[in-house]
Amino acid sequence: MVATATAAGATLTSNSVNVSWTAGKHVTFLTVNASPQGGIVNQPVSVVASLADVTASPPTALAGQTISIA
């Protein structure tokens, strides 16, 4: 996974991270909100993510789950 952003006309690219999942009973979908729109280089930043079980009908939000982005 690689994140990109544009700041002052320059494209910034994060380090590459390998992501792997194993097959399971349910299928999930993760979205990451576009906020915040700025930050300081080499400083942590908080983001908002939503995780849903798309195997359920209708898809169901998964609350209280931990998502780690390294």
PDB file of N, CA and C in Angstrom:
ATOM      1  N   MET A   1       0.849  -1.141   0.000  1.00  0.00           N
ATOM      2  CA  MET A   1       0.000   0.000   0.000  1.00  0.00           C
ATOM      3  C   MET A   1       0.908   1.220   0.000  1.00  0.00           C
ATOM      4  N   VAL A   2       0.538   2.213  -0.770  1.00  0.00           N
ATOM      5  CA  VAL A   2       1.261   3.479  -0.833  1.00  0.00           C
ATOM      6  C   VAL A   2       0.229   4.599  -0.806  1.00  0.00           C
ATOM      7  N   ALA A   3       0.462   5.596   0.036  1.00  0.00           N
ATOM      8  CA  ALA A   3      -0.424   6.760   0.088  1.00  0.00           C
ATOM      9  C   ALA A   3       0.235   7.907  -0.664  1.00  0.00           C
ATOM     10  N   THR A   4      -0.578   8.697  -1.350  1.00  0.00           N
ATOM     11  CA  THR A   4      -0.058   9.876  -2.029  1.00  0.00           C
ATOM     12  C   THR A   4      -0.928  11.078  -1.671  1.00  0.00           C
ATOM     13  N   ALA A   5      -0.335  12.240  -1.712  1.00  0.00           N
ATOM     14  CA  ALA A   5      -1.043  13.493  -1.457  1.00  0.00           C
ATOM     15  C   ALA A   5      -0.364  14.590  -2.258  1.00  0.00           C
ATOM     16  N   THR A   6      -1.097  15.656  -2.511  1.00  0.00           N
ATOM     17  CA  THR A   6      -0.535  16.799  -3.201  1.00  0.00           C
ATOM     18  C   THR A   6      -0.537  17.987  -2.250  1.00  0.00           C
ATOM     19  N   ALA A   7       0.610  18.614  -2.089  1.00  0.00           N
ATOM     20  CA  ALA A   7       0.740  19.782  -1.224  1.00  0.00           C
ATOM     21  C   ALA A   7       1.522  20.852  -1.966  1.00  0.00           C
ATOM     22  N   ALA A   8       0.965  22.021  -2.066  1.00  0.00           N
ATOM     23  CA  ALA A   8       1.604  23.147  -2.750  1.00  0.00           C
ATOM     24  C   ALA A   8       2.076  22.756  -4.149  1.00  0.00           C
ATOM     25  N   GLY A   9       1.261  21.950  -4.837  1.00  0.00           N
ATOM     26  CA  GLY A   9       1.586  21.553  -6.194  1.00  0.00           C
ATOM     27  C   GLY A   9       2.570  20.412  -6.314  1.00  0.00           C
ATOM     28  N   ALA A  10       3.093  19.916  -5.194  1.00  0.00           N
ATOM     29  CA  ALA A  10       4.053  18.807  -5.228  1.00  0.00           C
ATOM     30  C   ALA A  10       3.365  17.522  -4.772  1.00  0.00           C
ATOM     31  N   THR A  11       3.639  16.425  -5.456  1.00  0.00           N
ATOM     32  CA  THR A  11       3.087  15.135  -5.068  1.00  0.00           C
ATOM     33  C   THR A  11       4.005  14.488  -4.040  1.00  0.00           C
ATOM     34  N   LEU A  12       3.422  14.109  -2.899  1.00  0.00           N
ATOM     35  CA  LEU A  12       4.153  13.437  -1.830  1.00  0.00           C
ATOM     36  C   LEU A  12       3.721  11.983  -1.797  1.00  0.00           C
ATOM     37  N   THR A  13       4.667  11.071  -1.620  1.00  0.00           N
ATOM     38  CA  THR A  13       4.391   9.641  -1.624  1.00  0.00           C
ATOM     39  C   THR A  13       4.960   9.012  -0.361  1.00  0.00           C
ATOM     40  N   SER A  14       4.149   8.177   0.296  1.00  0.00           N
ATOM     41  CA  SER A  14       4.587   7.502   1.517  1.00  0.00           C
ATOM     42  C   SER A  14       5.499   6.331   1.179  1.00  0.00           C
ATOM     43  N   ASN A  15       6.068   5.749   2.208  1.00  0.00           N
ATOM     44  CA  ASN A  15       6.812   4.505   2.036  1.00  0.00           C
ATOM     45  C   ASN A  15       5.843   3.402   1.646  1.00  0.00           C
ATOM     46  N   SER A  16       6.327   2.390   0.974  1.00  0.00           N
ATOM     47  CA  SER A  16       5.516   1.251   0.572  1.00  0.00           C
ATOM     48  C   SER A  16       5.364   0.279   1.744  1.00  0.00           C
ATOM     49  N   VAL A  17       4.167  -0.278   1.905  1.00  0.00           N
ATOM     50  CA  VAL A  17       3.891  -1.238   2.967  1.00  0.00           C
ATOM     51  C   VAL A  17       3.204  -2.449   2.349  1.00  0.00           C
ATOM     52  N   ASN A  18       3.651  -3.647   2.707  1.00  0.00           N
ATOM     53  CA  ASN A  18       2.994  -4.874   2.251  1.00  0.00           C
ATOM     54  C   ASN A  18       1.769  -5.147   3.111  1.00  0.00           C
ATOM     55  N   VAL A  19       0.657  -5.494   2.481  1.00  0.00           N
ATOM     56  CA  VAL A  19      -0.581  -5.812   3.176  1.00  0.00           C
ATOM     57  C   VAL A  19      -1.035  -7.176   2.686  1.00  0.00           C
ATOM     58  N   SER A  20      -1.386  -8.053   3.617  1.00  0.00           N
ATOM     59  CA  SER A  20      -1.878  -9.369   3.202  1.00  0.00           C
ATOM     60  C   SER A  20      -3.051  -9.795   4.075  1.00  0.00           C
ATOM     61  N   TRP A  21      -3.980 -10.473   3.468  1.00  0.00           N
ATOM     62  CA  TRP A  21      -5.139 -10.990   4.165  1.00  0.00           C
ATOM     63  C   TRP A  21      -5.185 -12.491   3.931  1.00  0.00           C
ATOM     64  N   THR A  22      -5.832 -13.204   4.843  1.00  0.00           N
ATOM     65  CA  THR A  22      -6.062 -14.630   4.639  1.00  0.00           C
ATOM     66  C   THR A  22      -7.545 -14.847   4.395  1.00  0.00           C
ATOM     67  N   ALA A  23      -7.860 -15.898   3.668  1.00  0.00           N
ATOM     68  CA  ALA A  23      -9.254 -16.199   3.345  1.00  0.00           C
ATOM     69  C   ALA A  23     -10.035 -16.473   4.629  1.00  0.00           C
ATOM     70  N   GLY A  24     -11.252 -16.003   4.676  1.00  0.00           N
ATOM     71  CA  GLY A  24     -12.093 -16.207   5.844  1.00  0.00           C
ATOM     72  C   GLY A  24     -13.542 -16.275   5.436  1.00  0.00           C
ATOM     73  N   LYS A  25     -14.401 -16.370   6.431  1.00  0.00           N
ATOM     74  CA  LYS A  25     -15.838 -16.511   6.215  1.00  0.00           C
ATOM     75  C   LYS A  25     -16.460 -15.226   5.667  1.00  0.00           C
ATOM     76  N   HIS A  26     -15.915 -14.082   6.062  1.00  0.00           N
ATOM     77  CA  HIS A  26     -16.501 -12.804   5.685  1.00  0.00           C
ATOM     78  C   HIS A  26     -15.528 -11.974   4.849  1.00  0.00           C
ATOM     79  N   VAL A  27     -16.086 -11.061   4.084  1.00  0.00           N
ATOM     80  CA  VAL A  27     -15.293 -10.136   3.275  1.00  0.00           C
ATOM     81  C   VAL A  27     -15.498  -8.742   3.853  1.00  0.00           C
ATOM     82  N   THR A  28     -14.392  -8.032   4.079  1.00  0.00           N
ATOM     83  CA  THR A  28     -14.496  -6.692   4.628  1.00  0.00           C
ATOM     84  C   THR A  28     -14.017  -5.664   3.618  1.00  0.00           C
ATOM     85  N   PHE A  29     -14.432  -4.426   3.849  1.00  0.00           N
ATOM     86  CA  PHE A  29     -14.039  -3.313   3.000  1.00  0.00           C
ATOM     87  C   PHE A  29     -13.590  -2.182   3.909  1.00  0.00           C
ATOM     88  N   LEU A  30     -12.417  -1.614   3.646  1.00  0.00           N
ATOM     89  CA  LEU A  30     -11.864  -0.539   4.458  1.00  0.00           C
ATOM     90  C   LEU A  30     -11.740   0.726   3.621  1.00  0.00           C
ATOM     91  N   THR A  31     -12.264   1.825   4.132  1.00  0.00           N
ATOM     92  CA  THR A  31     -12.072   3.121   3.486  1.00  0.00           C
ATOM     93  C   THR A  31     -11.352   4.035   4.460  1.00  0.00           C
ATOM     94  N   VAL A  32     -10.517   4.907   3.926  1.00  0.00           N
ATOM     95  CA  VAL A  32      -9.809   5.890   4.739  1.00  0.00           C
ATOM     96  C   VAL A  32     -10.259   7.270   4.285  1.00  0.00           C
ATOM     97  N   ASN A  33     -10.774   8.057   5.215  1.00  0.00           N
ATOM     98  CA  ASN A  33     -11.267   9.395   4.932  1.00  0.00           C
ATOM     99  C   ASN A  33     -10.119  10.270   4.431  1.00  0.00           C
ATOM    100  N   ALA A  34     -10.422  11.205   3.556  1.00  0.00           N
ATOM    101  CA  ALA A  34      -9.401  12.094   2.987  1.00  0.00           C
ATOM    102  C   ALA A  34      -8.895  13.135   3.989  1.00  0.00           C
ATOM    103  N   SER A  35      -9.484  13.217   5.174  1.00  0.00           N
ATOM    104  CA  SER A  35      -9.024  14.165   6.194  1.00  0.00           C
ATOM    105  C   SER A  35      -7.976  13.479   7.056  1.00  0.00           C
ATOM    106  N   PRO A  36      -7.046  14.125   7.621  1.00  0.00           N
ATOM    107  CA  PRO A  36      -6.756  15.540   7.486  1.00  0.00           C
ATOM    108  C   PRO A  36      -6.099  15.831   6.146  1.00  0.00           C
ATOM    109  N   GLN A  37      -6.069  17.061   5.789  1.00  0.00           N
ATOM    110  CA  GLN A  37      -5.502  17.452   4.505  1.00  0.00           C
ATOM    111  C   GLN A  37      -4.098  18.008   4.634  1.00  0.00           C
ATOM    112  N   GLY A  38      -3.508  17.875   5.798  1.00  0.00           N
ATOM    113  CA  GLY A  38      -2.148  18.371   5.985  1.00  0.00           C
ATOM    114  C   GLY A  38      -1.519  17.758   7.213  1.00  0.00           C
ATOM    115  N   GLY A  39      -0.234  17.960   7.348  1.00  0.00           N
ATOM    116  CA  GLY A  39       0.483  17.444   8.492  1.00  0.00           C
ATOM    117  C   GLY A  39       1.920  17.904   8.449  1.00  0.00           C
ATOM    118  N   ILE A  40       2.676  17.512   9.459  1.00  0.00           N
ATOM    119  CA  ILE A  40       4.083  17.870   9.556  1.00  0.00           C
ATOM    120  C   ILE A  40       4.911  16.629   9.254  1.00  0.00           C
ATOM    121  N   VAL A  41       5.927  16.765   8.421  1.00  0.00           N
ATOM    122  CA  VAL A  41       6.786  15.654   8.027  1.00  0.00           C
ATOM    123  C   VAL A  41       7.363  14.976   9.265  1.00  0.00           C
ATOM    124  N   ASN A  42       7.351  13.640   9.267  1.00  0.00           N
ATOM    125  CA  ASN A  42       7.889  12.792  10.343  1.00  0.00           C
ATOM    126  C   ASN A  42       7.147  12.931  11.665  1.00  0.00           C
ATOM    127  N   GLN A  43       5.913  13.432  11.644  1.00  0.00           N
ATOM    128  CA  GLN A  43       5.093  13.520  12.850  1.00  0.00           C
ATOM    129  C   GLN A  43       3.826  12.690  12.641  1.00  0.00           C
ATOM    130  N   PRO A  44       3.343  12.025  13.702  1.00  0.00           N
ATOM    131  CA  PRO A  44       2.112  11.224  13.573  1.00  0.00           C
ATOM    132  C   PRO A  44       0.929  12.094  13.175  1.00  0.00           C
ATOM    133  N   VAL A  45      -0.016  11.486  12.492  1.00  0.00           N
ATOM    134  CA  VAL A  45      -1.243  12.177  12.116  1.00  0.00           C
ATOM    135  C   VAL A  45      -2.406  11.209  12.313  1.00  0.00           C
ATOM    136  N   SER A  46      -3.537  11.706  12.763  1.00  0.00           N
ATOM    137  CA  SER A  46      -4.721  10.870  12.955  1.00  0.00           C
ATOM    138  C   SER A  46      -5.562  10.885  11.684  1.00  0.00           C
ATOM    139  N   VAL A  47      -6.056   9.719  11.300  1.00  0.00           N
ATOM    140  CA  VAL A  47      -6.936   9.608  10.147  1.00  0.00           C
ATOM    141  C   VAL A  47      -8.216   8.912  10.580  1.00  0.00           C
ATOM    142  N   VAL A  48      -9.243   9.001   9.767  1.00  0.00           N
ATOM    143  CA  VAL A  48     -10.517   8.366  10.044  1.00  0.00           C
ATOM    144  C   VAL A  48     -10.727   7.252   9.036  1.00  0.00           C
ATOM    145  N   ALA A  49     -11.033   6.058   9.518  1.00  0.00           N
ATOM    146  CA  ALA A  49     -11.260   4.918   8.634  1.00  0.00           C
ATOM    147  C   ALA A  49     -12.608   4.275   8.968  1.00  0.00           C
ATOM    148  N   SER A  50     -13.196   3.630   7.978  1.00  0.00           N
ATOM    149  CA  SER A  50     -14.447   2.901   8.175  1.00  0.00           C
ATOM    150  C   SER A  50     -14.251   1.471   7.698  1.00  0.00           C
ATOM    151  N   LEU A  51     -14.676   0.512   8.511  1.00  0.00           N
ATOM    152  CA  LEU A  51     -14.538  -0.905   8.188  1.00  0.00           C
ATOM    153  C   LEU A  51     -15.930  -1.520   8.140  1.00  0.00           C
ATOM    154  N   ALA A  52     -16.229  -2.247   7.068  1.00  0.00           N
ATOM    155  CA  ALA A  52     -17.556  -2.844   6.923  1.00  0.00           C
ATOM    156  C   ALA A  52     -17.445  -4.293   6.480  1.00  0.00           C
ATOM    157  N   ASP A  53     -18.404  -5.099   6.923  1.00  0.00           N
ATOM    158  CA  ASP A  53     -18.542  -6.492   6.467  1.00  0.00           C
ATOM    159  C   ASP A  53     -19.457  -6.449   5.253  1.00  0.00           C
ATOM    160  N   VAL A  54     -18.904  -6.634   4.051  1.00  0.00           N
ATOM    161  CA  VAL A  54     -19.697  -6.556   2.827  1.00  0.00           C
ATOM    162  C   VAL A  54     -20.304  -7.901   2.446  1.00  0.00           C
ATOM    163  N   THR A  55     -20.034  -8.946   3.266  1.00  0.00           N
ATOM    164  CA  THR A  55     -20.670 -10.235   3.049  1.00  0.00           C
ATOM    165  C   THR A  55     -22.107 -10.186   3.555  1.00  0.00           C
ATOM    166  N   ALA A  56     -22.358  -9.366   4.581  1.00  0.00           N
ATOM    167  CA  ALA A  56     -23.702  -9.217   5.144  1.00  0.00           C
ATOM    168  C   ALA A  56     -24.589  -8.465   4.164  1.00  0.00           C
ATOM    169  N   SER A  57     -25.897  -8.703   4.262  1.00  0.00           N
ATOM    170  CA  SER A  57     -26.830  -8.015   3.385  1.00  0.00           C
ATOM    171  C   SER A  57     -27.893  -7.355   4.251  1.00  0.00           C
ATOM    172  N   PRO A  58     -27.907  -6.042   4.381  1.00  0.00           N
ATOM    173  CA  PRO A  58     -27.002  -5.081   3.754  1.00  0.00           C
ATOM    174  C   PRO A  58     -25.633  -5.078   4.449  1.00  0.00           C
ATOM    175  N   PRO A  59     -24.615  -4.507   3.801  1.00  0.00           N
ATOM    176  CA  PRO A  59     -23.290  -4.425   4.434  1.00  0.00           C
ATOM    177  C   PRO A  59     -23.390  -3.784   5.820  1.00  0.00           C
ATOM    178  N   THR A  60     -22.588  -4.298   6.758  1.00  0.00           N
ATOM    179  CA  THR A  60     -22.673  -3.879   8.153  1.00  0.00           C
ATOM    180  C   THR A  60     -21.369  -3.253   8.613  1.00  0.00           C
ATOM    181  N   ALA A  61     -21.462  -2.089   9.256  1.00  0.00           N
ATOM    182  CA  ALA A  61     -20.274  -1.431   9.818  1.00  0.00           C
ATOM    183  C   ALA A  61     -19.727  -2.284  10.960  1.00  0.00           C
ATOM    184  N   LEU A  62     -18.415  -2.369  11.072  1.00  0.00           N
ATOM    185  CA  LEU A  62     -17.751  -3.109  12.142  1.00  0.00           C
ATOM    186  C   LEU A  62     -17.165  -2.103  13.122  1.00  0.00           C
ATOM    187  N   ALA A  63     -17.747  -2.002  14.292  1.00  0.00           N
ATOM    188  CA  ALA A  63     -17.292  -1.050  15.305  1.00  0.00           C
ATOM    189  C   ALA A  63     -16.338  -1.728  16.269  1.00  0.00           C
ATOM    190  N   GLY A  64     -15.453  -0.940  16.873  1.00  0.00           N
ATOM    191  CA  GLY A  64     -14.563  -1.440  17.911  1.00  0.00           C
ATOM    192  C   GLY A  64     -13.431  -2.311  17.416  1.00  0.00           C
ATOM    193  N   GLN A  65     -13.134  -2.278  16.127  1.00  0.00           N
ATOM    194  CA  GLN A  65     -12.057  -3.070  15.562  1.00  0.00           C
ATOM    195  C   GLN A  65     -10.785  -2.226  15.482  1.00  0.00           C
ATOM    196  N   THR A  66      -9.647  -2.881  15.563  1.00  0.00           N
ATOM    197  CA  THR A  66      -8.376  -2.180  15.472  1.00  0.00           C
ATOM    198  C   THR A  66      -7.831  -2.282  14.060  1.00  0.00           C
ATOM    199  N   ILE A  67      -7.434  -1.151  13.516  1.00  0.00           N
ATOM    200  CA  ILE A  67      -6.818  -1.090  12.194  1.00  0.00           C
ATOM    201  C   ILE A  67      -5.441  -0.487  12.369  1.00  0.00           C
ATOM    202  N   SER A  68      -4.413  -1.198  11.942  1.00  0.00           N
ATOM    203  CA  SER A  68      -3.049  -0.698  12.066  1.00  0.00           C
ATOM    204  C   SER A  68      -2.496  -0.363  10.693  1.00  0.00           C
ATOM    205  N   ILE A  69      -1.974   0.826  10.558  1.00  0.00           N
ATOM    206  CA  ILE A  69      -1.327   1.250   9.327  1.00  0.00           C
ATOM    207  C   ILE A  69       0.093   1.589   9.709  1.00  0.00           C
ATOM    208  N   ALA A  70       1.034   0.840   9.176  1.00  0.00           N
ATOM    209  CA  ALA A  70       2.426   1.047   9.563  1.00  0.00           C
ATOM    210  C   ALA A  70       3.202   1.696   8.448  1.00  0.00           C
TER     211      ALA A  70
END
